[in-house]
Protein backbone atom coordinates (compact mmCIF):
# COMPACT_ATOMS: atom_id res chain seq x y z
CA MET A 1 -29.93 14.03 14.15
CA GLY A 2 -26.94 15.47 12.63
CA ARG A 3 -25.32 14.25 9.10
CA VAL A 4 -24.09 11.23 9.33
CA VAL A 5 -20.41 10.21 8.79
CA GLU A 6 -19.61 6.80 7.72
CA LEU A 7 -16.73 4.79 8.62
CA THR A 8 -14.04 2.26 7.19
CA ASP A 9 -12.30 0.44 9.86
CA VAL A 10 -8.89 -0.94 8.22
CA ILE A 11 -8.05 -3.06 12.07
CA LEU A 12 -8.52 -6.60 9.76
CA ARG A 13 -5.69 -4.49 7.28
CA ASP A 14 -4.23 -1.91 6.95
CA ALA A 15 -3.54 -1.77 11.10
CA HIS A 16 -1.65 -4.82 11.13
CA GLN A 17 0.03 -4.32 8.05
CA SER A 18 1.09 -0.86 9.41
CA LEU A 19 2.17 -1.86 12.96
CA LEU A 20 2.71 -5.60 12.90
CA ALA A 21 4.08 -6.38 9.65
CA THR A 22 1.52 -7.64 7.65
CA ARG A 23 1.44 -10.49 10.64
CA MET A 24 -2.01 -11.15 12.17
CA ALA A 25 -2.76 -14.37 11.66
CA MET A 26 -6.70 -15.28 10.76
CA GLU A 27 -7.09 -17.22 13.95
CA ASP A 28 -6.68 -14.41 15.53
CA MET A 29 -8.94 -11.99 13.75
CA ILE A 30 -11.72 -14.80 13.46
CA PRO A 31 -13.52 -14.00 17.03
CA ALA A 32 -14.03 -9.95 16.92
CA CYS A 33 -15.62 -10.68 13.98
CA GLU A 34 -19.19 -10.81 14.95
CA ASP A 35 -18.75 -7.66 16.80
CA LEU A 36 -17.21 -5.86 14.23
CA ASP A 37 -19.84 -7.26 11.44
CA ASN A 38 -23.03 -5.55 14.05
CA ALA A 39 -21.16 -2.47 14.25
CA GLY A 40 -23.22 -0.43 11.76
CA TYR A 41 -19.38 0.43 9.69
CA TRP A 42 -19.57 1.83 5.93
CA SER A 43 -16.75 -1.11 5.69
CA LEU A 44 -14.36 -3.55 6.90
CA GLU A 45 -11.13 -3.70 4.77
CA CYS A 46 -9.65 -6.57 5.34
CA TRP A 47 -7.55 -7.72 2.26
CA GLY A 48 -5.01 -6.38 -1.01
CA GLY A 49 -2.14 -4.62 0.10
CA ALA A 50 0.57 -6.62 2.31
CA THR A 51 -1.97 -9.29 3.43
CA PHE A 52 -1.93 -11.41 0.23
CA ASP A 53 2.03 -11.39 0.21
CA SER A 54 2.08 -11.68 3.62
CA CYS A 55 -0.05 -15.06 3.21
CA ILE A 56 1.93 -16.79 1.27
CA ARG A 57 5.21 -16.12 2.41
CA PHE A 58 4.89 -15.96 6.16
CA LEU A 59 1.99 -17.83 7.00
CA ASN A 60 0.94 -20.71 4.74
CA GLU A 61 -2.46 -18.99 4.44
CA ASP A 62 -4.52 -19.39 1.02
CA PRO A 63 -5.82 -15.49 0.71
CA TRP A 64 -8.35 -16.58 -0.99
CA GLU A 65 -9.69 -19.29 1.39
CA ARG A 66 -9.12 -15.43 3.96
CA LEU A 67 -11.10 -14.00 2.04
CA ARG A 68 -13.70 -16.22 2.36
CA GLN A 69 -13.72 -17.13 5.46
CA PHE A 70 -14.46 -13.02 6.03
CA ARG A 71 -17.72 -13.89 3.59
CA LYS A 72 -19.01 -15.39 5.99
CA LEU A 73 -18.23 -14.21 9.64
CA LEU A 74 -18.91 -10.84 7.87
CA PRO A 75 -22.59 -10.84 6.36
CA LYS A 76 -23.82 -6.83 6.73
CA THR A 77 -20.81 -5.49 6.04
CA LYS A 78 -19.46 -4.39 2.73
CA LEU A 79 -15.83 -5.99 2.68
CA GLN A 80 -12.57 -3.45 0.79
CA MET A 81 -9.63 -4.05 -0.67
CA LEU A 82 -7.01 -2.49 -1.76
CA LEU A 83 -5.90 -2.99 -5.19
CA ARG A 84 -2.37 -1.38 -7.17
CA GLY A 85 -4.46 -0.80 -9.85
CA GLN A 86 -2.45 -2.85 -12.96
CA ASN A 87 -0.29 -4.05 -10.28
CA LEU A 88 -2.68 -5.56 -8.68
CA LEU A 89 -1.04 -6.89 -5.52
CA GLY A 90 1.57 -7.49 -7.44
CA TYR A 91 4.80 -5.71 -8.52
CA ARG A 92 5.05 -5.00 -12.51
CA HIS A 93 2.53 -4.41 -14.80
CA TYR A 94 -0.08 -7.25 -15.15
CA GLU A 95 -1.61 -7.80 -18.65
CA ASP A 96 -5.33 -6.34 -19.13
CA GLU A 97 -6.75 -10.09 -18.81
CA VAL A 98 -5.46 -10.84 -15.97
CA VAL A 99 -5.96 -7.58 -14.35
CA GLU A 100 -10.28 -8.12 -15.33
CA ARG A 101 -9.95 -12.15 -14.28
CA PHE A 102 -8.08 -11.24 -10.74
CA VAL A 103 -11.06 -8.41 -10.05
CA ASP A 104 -13.52 -11.12 -11.05
CA LYS A 105 -12.89 -13.15 -9.34
CA ALA A 106 -12.16 -11.34 -5.97
CA ALA A 107 -15.83 -10.43 -6.55
CA LEU A 108 -16.60 -14.08 -7.16
CA ASN A 109 -14.79 -15.16 -3.03
CA GLY A 110 -16.41 -11.95 -1.47
CA MET A 111 -15.12 -9.14 -2.43
CA ASP A 112 -17.48 -5.76 -2.61
CA VAL A 113 -15.77 -2.50 -2.50
CA PHE A 114 -12.13 -1.93 -4.17
CA ARG A 115 -10.15 0.35 -3.41
CA VAL A 116 -7.92 1.65 -6.73
CA PHE A 117 -4.86 3.71 -6.71
CA ASP A 118 -1.78 3.41 -8.86
CA ALA A 119 1.76 4.06 -7.26
CA LEU A 120 2.23 7.71 -9.64
CA ASN A 121 -1.36 8.27 -9.56
CA ASP A 122 -1.26 7.92 -13.80
CA LEU A 123 -4.66 7.80 -13.77
CA ARG A 124 -4.40 5.43 -17.01
CA ASN A 125 -3.40 2.30 -14.58
CA LEU A 126 -6.75 2.42 -13.15
CA LYS A 127 -8.75 2.11 -16.13
CA THR A 128 -8.79 -1.35 -16.60
CA ALA A 129 -9.22 -2.76 -12.85
CA ILE A 130 -12.52 -0.27 -12.64
CA ALA A 131 -13.93 -0.99 -15.54
CA ALA A 132 -13.49 -4.50 -14.19
CA VAL A 133 -15.01 -3.61 -10.67
CA LYS A 134 -17.90 -2.13 -13.01
CA LYS A 135 -18.52 -5.08 -15.25
CA THR A 136 -19.00 -7.00 -11.82
CA GLY A 137 -21.41 -5.02 -10.15
CA LYS A 138 -19.58 -4.06 -7.04
CA HIS A 139 -18.29 -0.75 -5.75
CA ALA A 140 -15.15 1.05 -7.73
CA GLN A 141 -13.20 3.37 -5.58
CA GLY A 142 -11.08 5.74 -7.66
CA THR A 143 -8.07 6.73 -5.53
CA ILE A 144 -5.70 9.68 -5.67
CA CYS A 145 -2.44 9.00 -3.66
CA TYR A 146 -2.07 12.52 -1.84
CA THR A 147 1.37 13.83 -1.78
CA VAL A 148 2.97 17.80 -1.39
CA SER A 149 5.90 19.12 -4.52
CA PRO A 150 5.55 22.46 -6.67
CA VAL A 151 3.58 20.37 -9.64
CA HIS A 152 0.68 18.47 -7.09
CA THR A 153 -1.82 21.51 -6.35
CA ILE A 154 -5.72 21.33 -4.82
CA GLY A 155 -6.56 22.21 -8.77
CA ALA A 156 -4.63 19.29 -9.89
CA PHE A 157 -6.07 16.55 -7.47
CA VAL A 158 -10.08 17.85 -8.37
CA ASP A 159 -9.06 17.61 -11.65
CA MET A 160 -8.01 13.89 -10.93
CA ALA A 161 -11.14 13.35 -8.78
CA GLN A 162 -13.55 14.66 -11.93
CA HIS A 163 -11.39 12.37 -14.65
CA LEU A 164 -11.71 9.04 -12.08
CA LYS A 165 -15.47 10.12 -11.79
CA ASP A 166 -15.41 9.97 -15.61
CA MET A 167 -14.23 7.14 -15.87
CA GLY A 168 -17.13 5.76 -13.88
CA ALA A 169 -15.35 5.83 -9.79
CA ASP A 170 -18.43 5.26 -7.80
CA SER A 171 -16.70 7.32 -4.80
CA ILE A 172 -13.50 8.92 -5.04
CA CYS A 173 -11.10 8.42 -2.46
CA LEU A 174 -7.74 10.94 -0.98
CA LYS A 175 -5.21 8.12 0.37
CA ASP A 176 -2.40 9.98 2.44
CA MET A 177 0.07 7.03 3.07
CA ALA A 178 2.60 9.47 5.01
CA ALA A 179 0.21 11.82 7.05
CA LEU A 180 0.75 14.60 4.75
CA LEU A 181 -2.52 15.82 4.43
CA LYS A 182 -3.23 18.85 6.97
CA PRO A 183 -6.41 20.10 8.07
CA GLN A 184 -6.56 23.29 5.37
CA PRO A 185 -5.76 21.46 2.12
CA ALA A 186 -8.30 18.65 3.90
CA TYR A 187 -10.83 21.09 3.76
CA ASP A 188 -9.98 22.34 0.07
CA ILE A 189 -9.58 19.61 -1.43
CA VAL A 190 -13.02 17.89 -0.36
CA LYS A 191 -14.53 21.07 -0.90
CA GLY A 192 -12.99 21.24 -4.27
CA ILE A 193 -14.09 18.01 -5.27
CA LYS A 194 -17.98 17.96 -3.77
CA GLU A 195 -17.93 21.56 -6.41
CA LYS A 196 -16.38 20.56 -9.16
CA CYS A 197 -17.89 16.85 -9.00
CA GLY A 198 -21.24 17.35 -7.84
CA GLU A 199 -22.23 17.38 -3.58
CA ASP A 200 -23.53 13.77 -4.80
CA THR A 201 -19.85 11.94 -5.22
CA LEU A 202 -19.31 9.92 -2.74
CA VAL A 203 -15.51 11.38 -0.74
CA HIS A 204 -13.13 9.30 1.16
CA ILE A 205 -10.32 9.80 3.60
CA HIS A 206 -8.00 7.32 4.11
CA ALA A 207 -4.93 9.07 6.88
CA HIS A 208 -2.31 7.57 8.72
CA ALA A 209 -1.09 9.01 12.42
CA THR A 210 2.15 9.45 11.90
CA THR A 211 3.00 13.15 11.93
CA GLY A 212 0.25 14.01 14.54
CA VAL A 213 -2.12 16.75 12.24
CA THR A 214 -4.71 13.91 11.00
CA LEU A 215 -7.50 13.72 12.93
CA VAL A 216 -7.46 17.13 13.27
CA SER A 217 -7.89 16.82 8.87
CA LEU A 218 -10.33 14.42 9.38
CA MET A 219 -12.33 16.30 11.37
CA LYS A 220 -11.53 19.83 8.16
CA ALA A 221 -12.57 17.43 5.78
CA ILE A 222 -15.54 16.46 7.69
CA GLU A 223 -16.76 20.06 7.46
CA ALA A 224 -15.55 20.34 3.96
CA GLY A 225 -18.51 17.36 2.76
CA CYS A 226 -16.45 14.48 3.90
CA ASN A 227 -18.48 10.96 3.53
CA ILE A 228 -16.47 8.91 4.80
CA VAL A 229 -12.66 8.47 6.85
CA ASP A 230 -10.96 5.27 7.43
CA VAL A 231 -10.10 4.66 11.31
CA SER A 232 -8.81 1.81 13.13
CA ILE A 233 -9.59 0.60 16.63
CA SER A 234 -8.14 2.15 19.04
CA ALA A 235 -6.02 -1.43 19.89
CA LEU A 236 -4.21 -0.95 16.60
CA SER A 237 -3.77 2.66 15.86
CA LEU A 238 -1.48 5.11 16.17
CA GLY A 239 2.19 5.93 15.72
CA SER A 240 2.21 4.88 11.68
CA GLY A 241 -0.67 3.20 11.83
CA HIS A 242 -4.22 5.54 11.51
CA ASN A 243 -6.53 7.33 13.91
CA PRO A 244 -8.10 5.16 16.66
CA THR A 245 -12.32 4.77 15.52
CA GLU A 246 -13.17 5.92 19.26
CA ALA A 247 -11.62 9.34 19.20
CA MET A 248 -13.60 10.18 16.22
CA ILE A 249 -16.56 8.96 17.22
CA GLU A 250 -15.98 10.81 20.32
CA MET A 251 -14.54 13.80 18.36
CA LEU A 252 -17.80 14.40 17.06
CA GLU A 253 -20.70 14.93 19.89
CA GLY A 254 -21.60 18.03 19.55
CA THR A 255 -20.74 18.95 15.69
CA GLY A 256 -23.60 18.02 14.53
CA TYR A 257 -21.69 15.29 13.02
CA GLU A 258 -22.24 11.13 13.87
CA THR A 259 -21.62 7.88 13.01
CA ARG A 260 -23.69 5.28 13.08
CA VAL A 261 -21.37 3.18 14.85
CA ASN A 262 -21.82 1.00 17.90
CA LYS A 263 -19.48 2.24 20.43
CA ASP A 264 -19.90 -0.25 22.51
CA LEU A 265 -19.20 -3.33 20.94
CA VAL A 266 -16.50 -1.52 19.17
CA LEU A 267 -15.13 -1.16 22.84
CA LYS A 268 -15.28 -4.87 23.06
CA ALA A 269 -13.49 -5.69 19.86
CA ASN A 270 -10.53 -3.07 21.18
CA ASN A 271 -10.47 -5.42 24.61
CA TYR A 272 -9.98 -8.60 22.38
CA PHE A 273 -7.34 -6.13 20.03
CA THR A 274 -5.75 -5.59 23.25
CA LYS A 275 -5.05 -8.87 24.56
CA ILE A 276 -4.07 -10.24 21.53
CA ARG A 277 -1.73 -7.73 20.48
CA PRO A 278 1.04 -8.48 22.87
CA ARG A 279 1.55 -12.11 20.59
CA TYR A 280 3.15 -10.01 17.45
CA ARG A 281 5.48 -8.13 20.53
CA GLU A 282 8.61 -9.06 17.79
CA PHE A 283 6.90 -7.07 14.58
CA MET A 284 5.69 -3.99 16.64
CA SER A 285 7.58 -1.09 14.19
CA ASP A 286 9.98 0.49 17.22
CA PHE A 287 7.83 3.74 16.11
CA THR A 288 4.82 4.68 18.32
CA GLY A 289 5.04 8.39 18.50
CA VAL A 290 4.75 10.93 15.85
CA ASP A 291 7.47 12.30 13.67
CA THR A 292 6.87 15.95 12.11
CA GLU A 293 10.20 15.43 10.27
CA ILE A 294 8.29 13.29 7.42
CA PHE A 295 6.86 17.34 6.59
CA LYS A 296 10.35 17.65 5.26
CA SER A 297 11.71 14.61 3.87
CA GLN A 298 8.05 12.95 2.78
CA ILE A 299 9.74 9.74 3.78
CA PRO A 300 6.62 7.10 5.57
CA GLY A 301 8.35 5.47 8.86
CA GLY A 302 8.45 2.27 7.18
CA MET A 303 10.92 3.25 4.09
CA ILE A 304 13.39 5.08 6.81
CA SER A 305 13.60 1.42 8.83
CA ASN A 306 14.00 -0.48 5.46
CA MET A 307 16.98 1.77 4.79
CA GLU A 308 18.80 2.41 7.68
CA SER A 309 18.62 -1.46 7.31
CA GLN A 310 19.90 -1.42 4.23
CA LEU A 311 22.57 0.83 4.72
CA LYS A 312 23.65 -1.17 8.04
CA GLY A 313 24.11 -4.11 5.52
CA GLN A 314 26.76 -2.60 3.21
CA GLY A 315 28.39 -0.95 7.14
CA ALA A 316 27.02 2.73 6.55
CA GLY A 317 24.69 2.78 9.02
CA ASP A 318 25.61 5.96 9.70
CA ARG A 319 25.02 7.40 6.79
CA LEU A 320 21.13 7.76 6.78
CA GLN A 321 21.32 11.43 7.38
CA GLU A 322 22.89 11.81 3.67
CA VAL A 323 19.59 9.23 2.53
CA LEU A 324 17.47 11.17 4.16
CA LEU A 325 18.75 14.65 2.36
CA GLU A 326 19.06 12.64 -0.72
CA VAL A 327 15.29 10.85 -0.89
CA PRO A 328 13.87 14.58 -2.21
CA ARG A 329 16.28 15.26 -4.72
CA VAL A 330 15.33 11.79 -6.37
CA ARG A 331 12.35 12.48 -6.17
CA LYS A 332 12.28 15.59 -8.10
CA ASP A 333 14.88 14.41 -10.92
CA SER A 334 12.27 11.23 -11.07
CA GLY A 335 9.06 13.71 -11.86
CA TYR A 336 8.53 13.96 -8.20
CA PRO A 337 6.29 10.19 -7.98
CA PRO A 338 4.15 9.72 -4.89
CA LEU A 339 5.99 8.09 -2.08
CA VAL A 340 3.90 4.65 -1.91
CA THR A 341 4.59 0.99 -2.62
CA PRO A 342 6.61 0.56 -5.59
CA SER A 343 7.92 3.96 -5.85
CA SER A 344 9.05 4.17 -1.90
CA GLN A 345 10.69 1.49 -2.52
CA ILE A 346 12.15 2.34 -5.94
CA VAL A 347 12.86 5.85 -5.52
CA GLY A 348 14.46 5.08 -1.22
CA THR A 349 16.84 2.19 -2.97
CA GLN A 350 17.95 4.74 -5.65
CA ALA A 351 19.08 7.34 -3.04
CA VAL A 352 20.99 4.91 -0.93
CA PHE A 353 23.19 4.03 -4.01
CA ASN A 354 23.58 7.74 -5.03
CA VAL A 355 25.44 8.14 -1.25
CA LEU A 356 27.22 4.86 -1.36
CA MET A 357 27.85 5.17 -4.93
CA GLY A 358 28.26 8.34 -6.03
CA LYS A 359 25.51 9.96 -8.24
CA TYR A 360 23.33 7.32 -10.15
CA LYS A 361 26.82 5.96 -10.49
CA ALA A 362 25.13 2.60 -9.99
CA MET A 363 21.12 2.72 -11.31
CA SER A 364 18.49 0.06 -9.80
CA GLY A 365 16.39 -1.50 -12.94
CA GLU A 366 13.35 -0.39 -11.35
CA PHE A 367 14.39 2.82 -10.94
CA ALA A 368 15.85 3.29 -14.75
CA ASP A 369 11.98 1.49 -15.60
CA LEU A 370 10.74 4.51 -13.38
CA MET A 371 12.65 7.33 -15.23
CA LEU A 372 11.34 5.55 -18.30
CA GLY A 373 7.64 5.80 -17.97
CA TYR A 374 7.77 1.68 -17.74
CA TYR A 375 5.09 2.26 -14.03
CA GLY A 376 3.47 5.19 -16.21
CA SER A 377 3.82 9.03 -16.50
CA THR A 378 4.41 11.33 -13.06
CA LEU A 379 2.81 14.85 -13.16
CA GLY A 380 6.52 16.45 -12.64
CA GLU A 381 9.43 16.73 -15.33
CA LYS A 382 11.82 14.04 -15.30
CA ASP A 383 15.89 15.56 -15.48
CA PRO A 384 16.99 15.49 -18.61
CA GLU A 385 20.55 14.57 -17.23
CA VAL A 386 19.12 11.48 -15.88
CA LEU A 387 16.97 9.61 -18.06
CA ALA A 388 19.54 9.62 -20.71
CA LYS A 389 21.72 7.80 -18.10
CA ALA A 390 18.53 5.44 -17.97
CA GLU A 391 17.71 4.56 -21.44
CA ALA A 392 21.92 4.28 -21.81
CA GLN A 393 21.94 1.39 -19.10
CA ALA A 394 18.55 -0.46 -19.62
CA LYS A 395 18.90 0.10 -23.32
CA LYS A 396 15.55 0.78 -24.03
CA LYS A 397 13.44 3.59 -25.08
CA PRO A 398 11.66 5.82 -22.95
CA ILE A 399 7.57 5.41 -23.51
CA THR A 400 4.84 7.77 -23.22
CA CYS A 401 1.63 5.03 -23.53
CA ARG A 402 -0.33 3.02 -20.37
CA PRO A 403 2.69 0.80 -19.82
CA ALA A 404 0.48 -2.14 -20.08
CA ASP A 405 -0.14 -2.03 -23.44
CA THR A 406 3.72 -3.12 -24.26
CA LEU A 407 2.47 -5.93 -22.60
CA LYS A 408 1.71 -9.53 -24.64
CA PRO A 409 -1.32 -11.37 -23.73
CA GLU A 410 -0.43 -13.63 -20.70
CA TRP A 411 -2.87 -15.20 -18.79
CA ASP A 412 -2.59 -18.92 -21.11
CA VAL A 413 1.51 -18.53 -19.94
CA LEU A 414 0.68 -18.02 -16.24
CA LYS A 415 -2.35 -20.60 -17.20
CA ALA A 416 0.55 -23.72 -17.90
CA ASP A 417 3.30 -23.28 -15.71
CA ALA A 418 1.14 -23.22 -12.62
CA ALA A 419 -0.26 -26.12 -13.87
CA LYS A 420 3.59 -27.85 -13.59
CA LEU A 421 3.74 -27.02 -9.38
CA GLU A 422 2.76 -29.36 -7.52
CA ASN A 423 0.31 -29.16 -5.29
CA PHE A 424 -1.68 -26.66 -8.31
CA ASN A 425 -5.11 -26.67 -7.85
CA GLY A 426 -6.13 -26.10 -11.11
CA SER A 427 -8.43 -23.00 -9.87
CA ASP A 428 -7.74 -19.61 -11.66
CA GLU A 429 -6.81 -17.99 -7.85
CA ASP A 430 -4.40 -20.11 -7.57
CA VAL A 431 -3.33 -19.41 -11.32
CA LEU A 432 -3.20 -15.54 -9.90
CA THR A 433 -1.33 -16.63 -6.57
CA PHE A 434 1.82 -18.14 -9.12
CA ALA A 435 1.14 -14.86 -11.20
CA MET A 436 0.79 -12.19 -8.34
CA PHE A 437 4.17 -14.07 -6.72
CA PRO A 438 6.01 -16.49 -9.35
CA GLN A 439 8.31 -17.11 -6.94
CA VAL A 440 7.28 -17.89 -3.32
CA ALA A 441 3.91 -19.46 -4.82
CA PRO A 442 4.93 -22.58 -5.69
CA LYS A 443 6.55 -23.35 -2.08
CA PHE A 444 3.57 -22.32 -0.74
CA PHE A 445 1.42 -24.46 -2.43
CA LYS A 446 3.75 -27.51 -1.73
CA ALA A 447 3.65 -26.48 2.21
CA ARG A 448 0.11 -25.77 1.81
CA PRO A 449 -1.37 -29.23 2.91
CA GLU A 450 0.00 -28.55 6.79
CA GLY A 451 -2.37 -25.40 7.25
CA PRO A 452 -2.05 -22.14 7.96
CA LYS A 453 0.96 -21.19 10.76
CA ASN A 454 0.42 -18.20 13.45
CA LEU A 455 3.50 -16.42 14.14
CA GLY A 456 2.25 -14.56 17.53
CA LYS A 457 4.23 -15.63 20.67
CA ASP A 458 3.18 -16.42 24.24
CA PRO A 459 3.80 -12.35 25.64
CA GLY A 460 6.36 -14.00 27.94
CA ALA A 461 8.24 -15.92 25.13
CA ALA A 462 11.99 -14.09 23.83
CA PRO A 463 11.75 -12.43 20.57
CA ALA A 464 13.01 -14.34 17.60
CA ALA A 465 16.41 -13.07 16.27
CA ALA A 466 15.72 -10.87 13.42
CA PRO A 467 18.01 -12.64 10.64
CA ALA A 468 21.74 -10.47 9.98
CA PRO A 469 20.99 -8.40 6.56
CA ALA A 470 23.07 -9.64 3.55
CA LYS A 471 25.84 -8.02 2.79
CA ALA A 472 26.33 -6.77 -1.05
CA GLU A 473 30.11 -6.55 -2.00
CA ALA A 474 29.78 -3.02 -3.08
CA GLY A 475 34.05 -2.66 -2.45
CA ALA A 476 36.23 -1.03 -0.19
CA LYS A 477 34.62 2.50 1.14
CA GLY A 478 31.41 1.83 -0.53
CA ALA A 479 33.33 2.06 -4.28
CA GLN A 480 31.18 1.18 -7.62
CA PRO A 481 31.29 -2.64 -8.10
CA LYS A 482 32.54 -4.44 -10.63
CA SER A 483 30.03 -7.05 -11.46
CA PRO A 484 26.43 -7.14 -10.75
CA VAL A 485 24.85 -6.88 -7.08
CA THR A 486 21.63 -7.96 -5.60
CA TYR A 487 19.89 -6.10 -2.57
CA VAL A 488 18.06 -7.60 -1.17
CA VAL A 489 15.42 -4.40 -0.12
CA SER A 490 11.86 -5.28 2.06
CA LEU A 491 9.53 -3.18 3.70
CA ASN A 492 6.66 -4.18 5.81
CA GLY A 493 7.50 -7.62 5.23
CA GLN A 494 8.17 -7.27 1.32
CA GLU A 495 11.25 -8.33 -0.16
CA HIS A 496 11.97 -7.05 -3.50
CA LYS A 497 15.34 -8.18 -5.48
CA VAL A 498 17.30 -4.98 -6.78
CA THR A 499 19.51 -6.10 -9.04
CA VAL A 500 22.80 -3.41 -10.18
CA ALA A 501 24.70 -3.42 -12.48
CA ALA A 502 27.44 -0.83 -13.07
CA ALA A 503 27.24 2.10 -14.73
CA GLU A 504 28.90 2.43 -17.80
């Protein structure tokens, strides 16, 4: 028997987040759960990421109830979630008590493996969440976002892994959200982690398929000693999704490596999801092939479509190429942050503003905060001129401490505010839902008694027309706005409001 390579399947979360804008209804996942539970996976990723947002914003479904259902339906398999460190599942930093309560409630409701990451790889933003997971006795997976820049060396990633292990992480995940991980760096990083952190260190690789090279990268990582890889059942794979489970199983044949996963049960689940997928055609990404240009721009596919819709909203759809060239410059100016939620939206939106209004003539509040350290520190140095502009606009000083250290205790305030809402059920879970999404939660609580919505259509039904993007009043030919302008930035079904004041 060869060395066992464990598999985590993302079919219940990231697969439909990447390919169907996170719109899959729980009722369309339930029929596949028995086969998935019996298939022999190391874990099934089924919660976190954008699912929490999508549940309350579009599906009228309680995300905590979804988690409890998965726990009942998947008794044999570890459940896994994606947690944005100090941001939890929202888009700002939360004070430590909120982070601790969220982790505690997620564990009590059935979560086993917490994949904890930070968009900037500022490991200080993982500390509280990892400690909270350890306290519950569950599995804390310390995560490194893979990116490519002059400062992101093999040695830098290996050092991050050692810091995460020292923090108490039970395993190390290398998270490649834009499919930038080429085969040789995959081998070198895993080898480096095993040598520095010990052969017994569990290493887990998460890679998207967008550039077409990452199935080979997974193989090279396995050869270097990687223990677990993320895959997705083929009905919802490839494109900006992930590498197919079945292909991984077949690829290992005759290599001295094998999986514990039952191929017949995977094929049965695949047949099921193949029938379900056409119901969500209107949410499907147009991108289904391979895009190697990402190696140049490092822009994930979802981010490109997001910037395109912003430009069309300003009547500047023909300027996408200019924006694509501007993104790497903005990224360099801001210290080379990895491009993942929320940094991808912040950098992408600033690139759009630079093209439409002139370089840093207008700056989003979020971009100013990124420059000033309020999201955390970046591995690269920031441009001093842009930093000075950010300070002048935000009217606050840069910080070097852990951002959450600047926050006041907020649990009691959140609890009191949530208690005023119609249909608030009095639970800590409802307080946490409100804390994550204070604009969306009140509407969700109100509508919750109506029960979950399924947005899937019969394959023959005509797709609903997408609403036209709201136009921002940028003035003639992209002139600088005279008064603050609010842009609605949408990525993978998540909306972010960005208000831009005219630069002084």
